[in-house]
């Protein structure tokens, strides 16, 4: 599953990246072609404007025939050439001399002579006109070397040309442009207000040299920025969004499946440990009871009142132990029920805890321990299930006794906070590490006891406690430090009179 999914992600990522690169390359080509066409039109406009001034005089400057398209430039150029052709037309006298004669009496090859004469005359006029144009172009080239870029380029016209050429090349994004010199110093920038325009970015900046055919130390460059280029590329990939969404869905399903698999494996291991532990716990009292019954049936064993009393006490204790273990197993049914399992009654908590302490103190004192109580809760009346709530307190106290490697010092307190009754049970036992603290309320989970091998159980006690407290609409918290002790704090709502 993992290898297949990784391969799928790699293929999908590569497909998306290639499509993004194709879209970006196409966009870049359109922009570069547009910029080259723009600077070509600007250069042609300058040349035609100068020629127009030479041919028509200074009145050309004030005319409205400024060129913004290649078609209009060609039309104007054709008009100028036609005007030059009219100046090159032969005069009537030149046209009438020599006269074409078809008669053989007037010499040889008169048509060829006429043709040679006309060709010669046209070449002379063409050379003269070409010389005039060359001189004009030479003067123009000398003049432009002294001109500043702002005198050579009409920036208002540049804006219109650039916008029109970009549209013709299917580039319809908002743009921001500027003219910079060799050092990157801004000579002119447009006055468009486009947010997030960044001249320092390299991915969205396109540069084209103005007058690219000229060799000059004062070169200028046209820089164009498209702030929304990335959004355009992403929007162009909308068709890929469903596949990306499916990949994300498959990823989520994959993660959930892996989590469930590992969770089930963990639960299976816990249940196996539970079954093994339960078998061991049941086997000991059953074997003891079986042995006692065999002793009663064995005629070779002397049955004195003292021996019978001892055997009956053993059977009673082991039966009680077996019943306790069976009760623990039956508690498992609690975790499978969603509805409330409690028989709630209004009871006072302080007297109930006092009774539990009285019954449990014999166990503690027999091992050299001590129980200290400080039941100072003023409002201790709550809706509880007496049996299950008693089991909760007893389980917490029993855990404190089992997980203590020295004489137990157990402290039990009650107090009020707002409308809640708080109960704390604190011991000086071996403590719980941070990793186990996160999982101690899980079903079948048992905390490692290190070198203590005498602690028995099914891993249901604290899970049972958590379940019962939740059913009472309360919460339970735990604080612990290794080799210092553990403190459980229970909070349940009270009933104020």
Foldseek 3Di string as FASTA:
>chain_A
DVVVLVVVVVVLVVVLVVLLVVVLVLLVVLLVVLVVVLLVVLVLQLVLLLVCCVQPNPVSVVDPLRDQDPVSSVVSVVVSVVVLVVVLDDDPVVVPPPPQDPDVVPDPDSVVVVVVVVVVSSVVSVVVVVVVVVVSVVVVVVVVLPDDPCVSGDVVSSVVSSCVSSVVSVNDADKWKFKAWPVRHTPGTDPDDDPPFDPPDDSFKDKDWRPVVDDHPTTMIMIMGGRCVVVVSVVVCVVCVVVVVVSVVVVVVVVVVVVVVVVVVVVVVLVVVLVVQLCVQLVVLVVLLVVLVVLVVDPVHDDDVVVVVVSVVSNVVSVVSNVVSVVLVVLVVVVVDDDQPADWDKDFDVVLVVVLCVVCVVVQVVQVADEAEAEPAPFRIATARSVLVSLLVNLVVVVLVLQAPHRKYWYWYWYDDDQKIKIKIKIQGQWADPVCQVPLLPASDDGDNVPDPPDGDRSCNNVSSQSRLVSLVKHKHKDIDGSGIIMIMIMHGGDDD
